């Protein structure tokens, strides 16, 4: 994958992903469920969403880690999994 500055030299406009939460709900995430935990429990589903953004032409893909901090994860009892959740989110996107 190209680094952001290299990509900006080649393209003037970059396309980013969006609506990750909406797609997680379409894949089965339930209201009140921890979306970031899906990085561990539903890796294939999260990866398929990211892959769909790439297939659609996105240049920039975000990770499923928006609420992957100890404070938010504590609401679900997963604060001790913050590192693993975020590392998994980043590794999922190492698409070659």
PDB file of N, CA and C in Angstrom:
ATOM      1  N   UNK A   1       0.831  -1.178   0.000  1.00  0.00           N
ATOM      2  CA  UNK A   1       0.000   0.000   0.000  1.00  0.00           C
ATOM      3  C   UNK A   1       0.879   1.247   0.000  1.00  0.00           C
ATOM      4  N   UNK A   2       0.430   2.232  -0.711  1.00  0.00           N
ATOM      5  CA  UNK A   2       1.170   3.480  -0.759  1.00  0.00           C
ATOM      6  C   UNK A   2       0.950   4.273   0.517  1.00  0.00           C
ATOM      7  N   UNK A   3       1.975   4.987   0.918  1.00  0.00           N
ATOM      8  CA  UNK A   3       1.817   5.890   2.052  1.00  0.00           C
ATOM      9  C   UNK A   3       1.008   7.095   1.595  1.00  0.00           C
ATOM     10  N   UNK A   4       0.360   7.743   2.530  1.00  0.00           N
ATOM     11  CA  UNK A   4      -0.547   8.839   2.219  1.00  0.00           C
ATOM     12  C   UNK A   4       0.122   9.934   1.394  1.00  0.00           C
ATOM     13  N   UNK A   5       1.298  10.384   1.785  1.00  0.00           N
ATOM     14  CA  UNK A   5       1.957  11.465   1.041  1.00  0.00           C
ATOM     15  C   UNK A   5       2.318  11.039  -0.377  1.00  0.00           C
ATOM     16  N   UNK A   6       2.727   9.787  -0.544  1.00  0.00           N
ATOM     17  CA  UNK A   6       3.023   9.282  -1.884  1.00  0.00           C
ATOM     18  C   UNK A   6       1.759   9.244  -2.734  1.00  0.00           C
ATOM     19  N   UNK A   7       0.662   8.838  -2.126  1.00  0.00           N
ATOM     20  CA  UNK A   7      -0.604   8.762  -2.833  1.00  0.00           C
ATOM     21  C   UNK A   7      -1.095  10.151  -3.238  1.00  0.00           C
ATOM     22  N   UNK A   8      -0.897  11.122  -2.378  1.00  0.00           N
ATOM     23  CA  UNK A   8      -1.310  12.495  -2.702  1.00  0.00           C
ATOM     24  C   UNK A   8      -0.509  13.079  -3.866  1.00  0.00           C
ATOM     25  N   UNK A   9       0.714  12.633  -4.057  1.00  0.00           N
ATOM     26  CA  UNK A   9       1.515  13.090  -5.197  1.00  0.00           C
ATOM     27  C   UNK A   9       0.956  12.548  -6.503  1.00  0.00           C
ATOM     28  N   UNK A  10       0.356  11.370  -6.441  1.00  0.00           N
ATOM     29  CA  UNK A  10      -0.172  10.710  -7.630  1.00  0.00           C
ATOM     30  C   UNK A  10      -1.602  11.152  -7.931  1.00  0.00           C
ATOM     31  N   UNK A  11      -2.405  11.313  -6.893  1.00  0.00           N
ATOM     32  CA  UNK A  11      -3.813  11.666  -7.054  1.00  0.00           C
ATOM     33  C   UNK A  11      -4.109  12.947  -6.285  1.00  0.00           C
ATOM     34  N   UNK A  12      -4.909  13.799  -6.855  1.00  0.00           N
ATOM     35  CA  UNK A  12      -5.282  15.043  -6.174  1.00  0.00           C
ATOM     36  C   UNK A  12      -6.470  14.839  -5.230  1.00  0.00           C
ATOM     37  N   UNK A  13      -7.320  13.892  -5.542  1.00  0.00           N
ATOM     38  CA  UNK A  13      -8.502  13.617  -4.726  1.00  0.00           C
ATOM     39  C   UNK A  13      -8.441  12.159  -4.281  1.00  0.00           C
ATOM     40  N   UNK A  14      -8.623  11.949  -2.986  1.00  0.00           N
ATOM     41  CA  UNK A  14      -8.632  10.598  -2.444  1.00  0.00           C
ATOM     42  C   UNK A  14     -10.040  10.250  -1.976  1.00  0.00           C
ATOM     43  N   UNK A  15     -10.416   9.006  -2.160  1.00  0.00           N
ATOM     44  CA  UNK A  15     -11.735   8.527  -1.748  1.00  0.00           C
ATOM     45  C   UNK A  15     -11.559   7.723  -0.468  1.00  0.00           C
ATOM     46  N   UNK A  16     -12.400   8.021   0.519  1.00  0.00           N
ATOM     47  CA  UNK A  16     -12.336   7.332   1.800  1.00  0.00           C
ATOM     48  C   UNK A  16     -13.569   6.451   1.979  1.00  0.00           C
ATOM     49  N   UNK A  17     -13.458   5.521   2.911  1.00  0.00           N
ATOM     50  CA  UNK A  17     -14.581   4.656   3.246  1.00  0.00           C
ATOM     51  C   UNK A  17     -15.603   5.437   4.055  1.00  0.00           C
ATOM     52  N   UNK A  18     -16.666   4.776   4.473  1.00  0.00           N
ATOM     53  CA  UNK A  18     -17.666   5.417   5.310  1.00  0.00           C
ATOM     54  C   UNK A  18     -18.758   4.452   5.715  1.00  0.00           C
ATOM     55  N   UNK A  19     -19.485   4.814   6.744  1.00  0.00           N
ATOM     56  CA  UNK A  19     -20.654   4.053   7.207  1.00  0.00           C
ATOM     57  C   UNK A  19     -20.299   2.654   7.710  1.00  0.00           C
ATOM     58  N   UNK A  20     -19.143   2.499   8.328  1.00  0.00           N
ATOM     59  CA  UNK A  20     -18.744   1.198   8.844  1.00  0.00           C
ATOM     60  C   UNK A  20     -19.780   0.653   9.820  1.00  0.00           C
ATOM     61  N   UNK A  21     -20.255   1.490  10.723  1.00  0.00           N
ATOM     62  CA  UNK A  21     -21.253   1.049  11.696  1.00  0.00           C
ATOM     63  C   UNK A  21     -22.521   0.537  11.036  1.00  0.00           C
ATOM     64  N   UNK A  22     -22.966   1.227   9.997  1.00  0.00           N
ATOM     65  CA  UNK A  22     -24.150   0.797   9.258  1.00  0.00           C
ATOM     66  C   UNK A  22     -23.946  -0.596   8.689  1.00  0.00           C
ATOM     67  N   UNK A  23     -22.771  -0.837   8.119  1.00  0.00           N
ATOM     68  CA  UNK A  23     -22.485  -2.154   7.542  1.00  0.00           C
ATOM     69  C   UNK A  23     -22.356  -3.228   8.622  1.00  0.00           C
ATOM     70  N   UNK A  24     -21.813  -2.863   9.778  1.00  0.00           N
ATOM     71  CA  UNK A  24     -21.752  -3.837  10.870  1.00  0.00           C
ATOM     72  C   UNK A  24     -23.155  -4.277  11.279  1.00  0.00           C
ATOM     73  N   UNK A  25     -24.081  -3.322  11.358  1.00  0.00           N
ATOM     74  CA  UNK A  25     -25.468  -3.674  11.689  1.00  0.00           C
ATOM     75  C   UNK A  25     -26.084  -4.553  10.607  1.00  0.00           C
ATOM     76  N   UNK A  26     -25.775  -4.264   9.349  1.00  0.00           N
ATOM     77  CA  UNK A  26     -26.285  -5.105   8.264  1.00  0.00           C
ATOM     78  C   UNK A  26     -25.733  -6.523   8.358  1.00  0.00           C
ATOM     79  N   UNK A  27     -24.525  -6.653   8.909  1.00  0.00           N
ATOM     80  CA  UNK A  27     -23.895  -7.967   9.049  1.00  0.00           C
ATOM     81  C   UNK A  27     -24.361  -8.706  10.307  1.00  0.00           C
ATOM     82  N   UNK A  28     -25.101  -8.006  11.191  1.00  0.00           N
ATOM     83  CA  UNK A  28     -25.646  -8.688  12.356  1.00  0.00           C
ATOM     84  C   UNK A  28     -25.313  -8.095  13.713  1.00  0.00           C
ATOM     85  N   UNK A  29     -24.534  -7.017  13.765  1.00  0.00           N
ATOM     86  CA  UNK A  29     -24.262  -6.349  15.041  1.00  0.00           C
ATOM     87  C   UNK A  29     -25.587  -5.942  15.672  1.00  0.00           C
ATOM     88  N   UNK A  30     -25.730  -6.210  16.952  1.00  0.00           N
ATOM     89  CA  UNK A  30     -26.968  -5.883  17.655  1.00  0.00           C
ATOM     90  C   UNK A  30     -26.824  -4.561  18.420  1.00  0.00           C
ATOM     91  N   UNK A  31     -27.926  -3.863  18.594  1.00  0.00           N
ATOM     92  CA  UNK A  31     -27.927  -2.633  19.377  1.00  0.00           C
ATOM     93  C   UNK A  31     -27.433  -2.963  20.780  1.00  0.00           C
ATOM     94  N   UNK A  32     -26.484  -2.183  21.278  1.00  0.00           N
ATOM     95  CA  UNK A  32     -25.925  -2.403  22.601  1.00  0.00           C
ATOM     96  C   UNK A  32     -24.701  -3.312  22.604  1.00  0.00           C
ATOM     97  N   UNK A  33     -24.413  -3.937  21.470  1.00  0.00           N
ATOM     98  CA  UNK A  33     -23.246  -4.808  21.349  1.00  0.00           C
ATOM     99  C   UNK A  33     -22.012  -3.957  21.041  1.00  0.00           C
ATOM    100  N   UNK A  34     -20.859  -4.410  21.468  1.00  0.00           N
ATOM    101  CA  UNK A  34     -19.610  -3.677  21.257  1.00  0.00           C
ATOM    102  C   UNK A  34     -19.096  -3.892  19.829  1.00  0.00           C
ATOM    103  N   UNK A  35     -19.138  -2.848  18.980  1.00  0.00           N
ATOM    104  CA  UNK A  35     -18.693  -3.012  17.594  1.00  0.00           C
ATOM    105  C   UNK A  35     -17.222  -3.418  17.469  1.00  0.00           C
ATOM    106  N   UNK A  36     -16.393  -2.875  18.340  1.00  0.00           N
ATOM    107  CA  UNK A  36     -14.954  -3.162  18.260  1.00  0.00           C
ATOM    108  C   UNK A  36     -14.633  -4.615  18.597  1.00  0.00           C
ATOM    109  N   UNK A  37     -15.472  -5.248  19.424  1.00  0.00           N
ATOM    110  CA  UNK A  37     -15.236  -6.655  19.754  1.00  0.00           C
ATOM    111  C   UNK A  37     -15.370  -7.537  18.514  1.00  0.00           C
ATOM    112  N   UNK A  38     -16.110  -7.054  17.532  1.00  0.00           N
ATOM    113  CA  UNK A  38     -16.250  -7.808  16.286  1.00  0.00           C
ATOM    114  C   UNK A  38     -14.906  -8.064  15.621  1.00  0.00           C
ATOM    115  N   UNK A  39     -13.902  -7.252  15.914  1.00  0.00           N
ATOM    116  CA  UNK A  39     -12.561  -7.503  15.361  1.00  0.00           C
ATOM    117  C   UNK A  39     -12.051  -8.873  15.792  1.00  0.00           C
ATOM    118  N   UNK A  40     -12.489  -9.324  16.952  1.00  0.00           N
ATOM    119  CA  UNK A  40     -12.055 -10.618  17.483  1.00  0.00           C
ATOM    120  C   UNK A  40     -13.070 -11.726  17.218  1.00  0.00           C
ATOM    121  N   UNK A  41     -14.354 -11.394  17.285  1.00  0.00           N
ATOM    122  CA  UNK A  41     -15.387 -12.432  17.202  1.00  0.00           C
ATOM    123  C   UNK A  41     -15.955 -12.629  15.804  1.00  0.00           C
ATOM    124  N   UNK A  42     -15.809 -11.640  14.953  1.00  0.00           N
ATOM    125  CA  UNK A  42     -16.364 -11.702  13.589  1.00  0.00           C
ATOM    126  C   UNK A  42     -15.357 -11.124  12.592  1.00  0.00           C
ATOM    127  N   UNK A  43     -14.112 -11.581  12.698  1.00  0.00           N
ATOM    128  CA  UNK A  43     -13.037 -11.037  11.850  1.00  0.00           C
ATOM    129  C   UNK A  43     -13.385 -11.053  10.369  1.00  0.00           C
ATOM    130  N   UNK A  44     -13.947 -12.143   9.892  1.00  0.00           N
ATOM    131  CA  UNK A  44     -14.246 -12.256   8.463  1.00  0.00           C
ATOM    132  C   UNK A  44     -15.268 -11.225   8.009  1.00  0.00           C
ATOM    133  N   UNK A  45     -16.242 -10.940   8.861  1.00  0.00           N
ATOM    134  CA  UNK A  45     -17.258  -9.945   8.513  1.00  0.00           C
ATOM    135  C   UNK A  45     -16.650  -8.547   8.431  1.00  0.00           C
ATOM    136  N   UNK A  46     -15.822  -8.204   9.416  1.00  0.00           N
ATOM    137  CA  UNK A  46     -15.169  -6.890   9.420  1.00  0.00           C
ATOM    138  C   UNK A  46     -14.255  -6.764   8.207  1.00  0.00           C
ATOM    139  N   UNK A  47     -13.495  -7.815   7.923  1.00  0.00           N
ATOM    140  CA  UNK A  47     -12.601  -7.796   6.773  1.00  0.00           C
ATOM    141  C   UNK A  47     -13.392  -7.639   5.471  1.00  0.00           C
ATOM    142  N   UNK A  48     -14.516  -8.321   5.365  1.00  0.00           N
ATOM    143  CA  UNK A  48     -15.299  -8.243   4.124  1.00  0.00           C
ATOM    144  C   UNK A  48     -15.821  -6.829   3.884  1.00  0.00           C
ATOM    145  N   UNK A  49     -16.130  -6.107   4.955  1.00  0.00           N
ATOM    146  CA  UNK A  49     -16.565  -4.714   4.808  1.00  0.00           C
ATOM    147  C   UNK A  49     -15.408  -3.872   4.271  1.00  0.00           C
ATOM    148  N   UNK A  50     -14.237  -4.015   4.880  1.00  0.00           N
ATOM    149  CA  UNK A  50     -13.068  -3.261   4.419  1.00  0.00           C
ATOM    150  C   UNK A  50     -12.744  -3.604   2.967  1.00  0.00           C
ATOM    151  N   UNK A  51     -12.828  -4.868   2.640  1.00  0.00           N
ATOM    152  CA  UNK A  51     -12.533  -5.308   1.269  1.00  0.00           C
ATOM    153  C   UNK A  51     -13.532  -4.707   0.288  1.00  0.00           C
ATOM    154  N   UNK A  52     -14.784  -4.583   0.705  1.00  0.00           N
ATOM    155  CA  UNK A  52     -15.792  -3.996  -0.185  1.00  0.00           C
ATOM    156  C   UNK A  52     -15.476  -2.530  -0.478  1.00  0.00           C
ATOM    157  N   UNK A  53     -14.902  -1.816   0.497  1.00  0.00           N
ATOM    158  CA  UNK A  53     -14.496  -0.432   0.256  1.00  0.00           C
ATOM    159  C   UNK A  53     -13.378  -0.380  -0.778  1.00  0.00           C
ATOM    160  N   UNK A  54     -12.435  -1.285  -0.664  1.00  0.00           N
ATOM    161  CA  UNK A  54     -11.330  -1.328  -1.625  1.00  0.00           C
ATOM    162  C   UNK A  54     -11.857  -1.671  -3.013  1.00  0.00           C
ATOM    163  N   UNK A  55     -12.729  -2.662  -3.074  1.00  0.00           N
ATOM    164  CA  UNK A  55     -13.307  -3.059  -4.354  1.00  0.00           C
ATOM    165  C   UNK A  55     -14.090  -1.914  -4.994  1.00  0.00           C
ATOM    166  N   UNK A  56     -14.643  -1.028  -4.156  1.00  0.00           N
ATOM    167  CA  UNK A  56     -15.408   0.113  -4.661  1.00  0.00           C
ATOM    168  C   UNK A  56     -14.511   1.290  -5.041  1.00  0.00           C
ATOM    169  N   UNK A  57     -13.198   1.164  -4.776  1.00  0.00           N
ATOM    170  CA  UNK A  57     -12.266   2.218  -5.193  1.00  0.00           C
ATOM    171  C   UNK A  57     -11.776   3.135  -4.096  1.00  0.00           C
ATOM    172  N   UNK A  58     -12.037   2.823  -2.846  1.00  0.00           N
ATOM    173  CA  UNK A  58     -11.548   3.677  -1.754  1.00  0.00           C
ATOM    174  C   UNK A  58     -10.024   3.658  -1.689  1.00  0.00           C
ATOM    175  N   UNK A  59      -9.452   4.828  -1.450  1.00  0.00           N
ATOM    176  CA  UNK A  59      -8.008   4.965  -1.271  1.00  0.00           C
ATOM    177  C   UNK A  59      -7.620   4.879   0.199  1.00  0.00           C
ATOM    178  N   UNK A  60      -8.546   5.269   1.072  1.00  0.00           N
ATOM    179  CA  UNK A  60      -8.285   5.330   2.507  1.00  0.00           C
ATOM    180  C   UNK A  60      -9.334   4.474   3.213  1.00  0.00           C
ATOM    181  N   UNK A  61      -8.866   3.536   4.035  1.00  0.00           N
ATOM    182  CA  UNK A  61      -9.763   2.659   4.766  1.00  0.00           C
ATOM    183  C   UNK A  61      -9.485   2.821   6.258  1.00  0.00           C
ATOM    184  N   UNK A  62     -10.534   3.104   7.021  1.00  0.00           N
ATOM    185  CA  UNK A  62     -10.384   3.213   8.469  1.00  0.00           C
ATOM    186  C   UNK A  62     -10.507   1.852   9.130  1.00  0.00           C
ATOM    187  N   UNK A  63     -10.013   1.760  10.335  1.00  0.00           N
ATOM    188  CA  UNK A  63     -10.127   0.511  11.085  1.00  0.00           C
ATOM    189  C   UNK A  63     -11.407   0.515  11.919  1.00  0.00           C
ATOM    190  N   UNK A  64     -11.830  -0.641  12.332  1.00  0.00           N
ATOM    191  CA  UNK A  64     -12.986  -0.763  13.223  1.00  0.00           C
ATOM    192  C   UNK A  64     -12.489  -0.588  14.666  1.00  0.00           C
ATOM    193  N   UNK A  65     -12.017   0.616  14.959  1.00  0.00           N
ATOM    194  CA  UNK A  65     -11.447   0.866  16.283  1.00  0.00           C
ATOM    195  C   UNK A  65     -11.853   2.235  16.835  1.00  0.00           C
ATOM    196  N   UNK A  66     -12.935   2.801  16.307  1.00  0.00           N
ATOM    197  CA  UNK A  66     -13.356   4.137  16.729  1.00  0.00           C
ATOM    198  C   UNK A  66     -13.521   4.230  18.242  1.00  0.00           C
ATOM    199  N   UNK A  67     -14.127   3.238  18.838  1.00  0.00           N
ATOM    200  CA  UNK A  67     -14.321   3.222  20.289  1.00  0.00           C
ATOM    201  C   UNK A  67     -13.403   2.233  20.981  1.00  0.00           C
ATOM    202  N   UNK A  68     -12.240   1.989  20.387  1.00  0.00           N
ATOM    203  CA  UNK A  68     -11.333   0.975  20.914  1.00  0.00           C
ATOM    204  C   UNK A  68     -10.429   1.467  22.031  1.00  0.00           C
ATOM    205  N   UNK A  69     -10.957   2.294  22.904  1.00  0.00           N
ATOM    206  CA  UNK A  69     -10.161   2.776  24.036  1.00  0.00           C
ATOM    207  C   UNK A  69     -10.677   2.137  25.323  1.00  0.00           C
ATOM    208  N   UNK A  70      -9.827   2.117  26.327  1.00  0.00           N
ATOM    209  CA  UNK A  70     -10.172   1.429  27.582  1.00  0.00           C
ATOM    210  C   UNK A  70     -11.449   1.997  28.217  1.00  0.00           C
ATOM    211  N   UNK A  71     -11.635   3.307  28.124  1.00  0.00           N
ATOM    212  CA  UNK A  71     -12.803   3.926  28.751  1.00  0.00           C
ATOM    213  C   UNK A  71     -14.107   3.425  28.125  1.00  0.00           C
ATOM    214  N   UNK A  72     -14.195   3.444  26.805  1.00  0.00           N
ATOM    215  CA  UNK A  72     -15.424   2.973  26.162  1.00  0.00           C
ATOM    216  C   UNK A  72     -15.568   1.454  26.314  1.00  0.00           C
ATOM    217  N   UNK A  73     -14.479   0.732  26.129  1.00  0.00           N
ATOM    218  CA  UNK A  73     -14.545  -0.726  26.224  1.00  0.00           C
ATOM    219  C   UNK A  73     -14.932  -1.196  27.622  1.00  0.00           C
ATOM    220  N   UNK A  74     -14.669  -0.346  28.622  1.00  0.00           N
ATOM    221  CA  UNK A  74     -15.045  -0.686  30.006  1.00  0.00           C
ATOM    222  C   UNK A  74     -16.559  -0.836  30.143  1.00  0.00           C
ATOM    223  N   UNK A  75     -17.322  -0.092  29.357  1.00  0.00           N
ATOM    224  CA  UNK A  75     -18.793  -0.204  29.388  1.00  0.00           C
ATOM    225  C   UNK A  75     -19.252  -1.635  29.109  1.00  0.00           C
ATOM    226  N   UNK A  76     -18.441  -2.350  28.326  1.00  0.00           N
ATOM    227  CA  UNK A  76     -18.787  -3.715  27.924  1.00  0.00           C
ATOM    228  C   UNK A  76     -18.009  -4.770  28.704  1.00  0.00           C
ATOM    229  N   UNK A  77     -17.093  -4.312  29.573  1.00  0.00           N
ATOM    230  CA  UNK A  77     -16.257  -5.238  30.323  1.00  0.00           C
ATOM    231  C   UNK A  77     -15.054  -5.748  29.543  1.00  0.00           C
ATOM    232  N   UNK A  78     -14.668  -5.024  28.484  1.00  0.00           N
ATOM    233  CA  UNK A  78     -13.570  -5.466  27.631  1.00  0.00           C
ATOM    234  C   UNK A  78     -12.357  -4.545  27.686  1.00  0.00           C
ATOM    235  N   UNK A  79     -12.246  -3.726  28.726  1.00  0.00           N
ATOM    236  CA  UNK A  79     -11.135  -2.770  28.797  1.00  0.00           C
ATOM    237  C   UNK A  79      -9.775  -3.454  28.753  1.00  0.00           C
ATOM    238  N   UNK A  80      -9.706  -4.680  29.245  1.00  0.00           N
ATOM    239  CA  UNK A  80      -8.436  -5.408  29.235  1.00  0.00           C
ATOM    240  C   UNK A  80      -8.091  -5.948  27.845  1.00  0.00           C
ATOM    241  N   UNK A  81      -9.009  -5.829  26.894  1.00  0.00           N
ATOM    242  CA  UNK A  81      -8.784  -6.308  25.533  1.00  0.00           C
ATOM    243  C   UNK A  81      -8.474  -5.173  24.555  1.00  0.00           C
ATOM    244  N   UNK A  82      -8.291  -3.945  25.045  1.00  0.00           N
ATOM    245  CA  UNK A  82      -8.103  -2.787  24.169  1.00  0.00           C
ATOM    246  C   UNK A  82      -6.932  -2.985  23.199  1.00  0.00           C
ATOM    247  N   UNK A  83      -5.797  -3.418  23.691  1.00  0.00           N
ATOM    248  CA  UNK A  83      -4.634  -3.596  22.816  1.00  0.00           C
ATOM    249  C   UNK A  83      -4.922  -4.637  21.734  1.00  0.00           C
ATOM    250  N   UNK A  84      -5.453  -5.772  22.132  1.00  0.00           N
ATOM    251  CA  UNK A  84      -5.712  -6.858  21.181  1.00  0.00           C
ATOM    252  C   UNK A  84      -6.764  -6.455  20.149  1.00  0.00           C
ATOM    253  N   UNK A  85      -7.804  -5.788  20.585  1.00  0.00           N
ATOM    254  CA  UNK A  85      -8.853  -5.327  19.666  1.00  0.00           C
ATOM    255  C   UNK A  85      -8.278  -4.377  18.634  1.00  0.00           C
ATOM    256  N   UNK A  86      -7.479  -3.401  19.084  1.00  0.00           N
ATOM    257  CA  UNK A  86      -6.929  -2.413  18.163  1.00  0.00           C
ATOM    258  C   UNK A  86      -5.857  -3.001  17.259  1.00  0.00           C
ATOM    259  N   UNK A  87      -5.036  -3.884  17.789  1.00  0.00           N
ATOM    260  CA  UNK A  87      -4.022  -4.519  16.952  1.00  0.00           C
ATOM    261  C   UNK A  87      -4.689  -5.369  15.875  1.00  0.00           C
ATOM    262  N   UNK A  88      -5.708  -6.104  16.251  1.00  0.00           N
ATOM    263  CA  UNK A  88      -6.428  -6.922  15.277  1.00  0.00           C
ATOM    264  C   UNK A  88      -7.081  -6.042  14.214  1.00  0.00           C
ATOM    265  N   UNK A  89      -7.646  -4.917  14.619  1.00  0.00           N
ATOM    266  CA  UNK A  89      -8.272  -3.999  13.662  1.00  0.00           C
ATOM    267  C   UNK A  89      -7.255  -3.525  12.627  1.00  0.00           C
ATOM    268  N   UNK A  90      -6.059  -3.196  13.076  1.00  0.00           N
ATOM    269  CA  UNK A  90      -5.020  -2.712  12.160  1.00  0.00           C
ATOM    270  C   UNK A  90      -4.509  -3.824  11.256  1.00  0.00           C
ATOM    271  N   UNK A  91      -4.308  -4.986  11.809  1.00  0.00           N
ATOM    272  CA  UNK A  91      -3.776  -6.111  11.025  1.00  0.00           C
ATOM    273  C   UNK A  91      -4.778  -6.556   9.970  1.00  0.00           C
ATOM    274  N   UNK A  92      -6.055  -6.479  10.281  1.00  0.00           N
ATOM    275  CA  UNK A  92      -7.085  -6.880   9.314  1.00  0.00           C
ATOM    276  C   UNK A  92      -6.958  -6.108   8.011  1.00  0.00           C
ATOM    277  N   UNK A  93      -6.484  -4.882   8.099  1.00  0.00           N
ATOM    278  CA  UNK A  93      -6.429  -4.041   6.917  1.00  0.00           C
ATOM    279  C   UNK A  93      -5.099  -4.120   6.179  1.00  0.00           C
ATOM    280  N   UNK A  94      -4.246  -5.010   6.549  1.00  0.00           N
ATOM    281  CA  UNK A  94      -2.991  -5.184   5.816  1.00  0.00           C
ATOM    282  C   UNK A  94      -3.269  -6.044   4.591  1.00  0.00           C
ATOM    283  N   UNK A  95      -4.046  -5.457   3.699  1.00  0.00           N
ATOM    284  CA  UNK A  95      -4.454  -6.139   2.469  1.00  0.00           C
ATOM    285  C   UNK A  95      -3.419  -5.849   1.394  1.00  0.00           C
ATOM    286  N   UNK A  96      -2.931  -6.882   0.774  1.00  0.00           N
ATOM    287  CA  UNK A  96      -1.942  -6.677  -0.294  1.00  0.00           C
ATOM    288  C   UNK A  96      -2.553  -6.933  -1.643  1.00  0.00           C
TER     289      UNK A  96
END
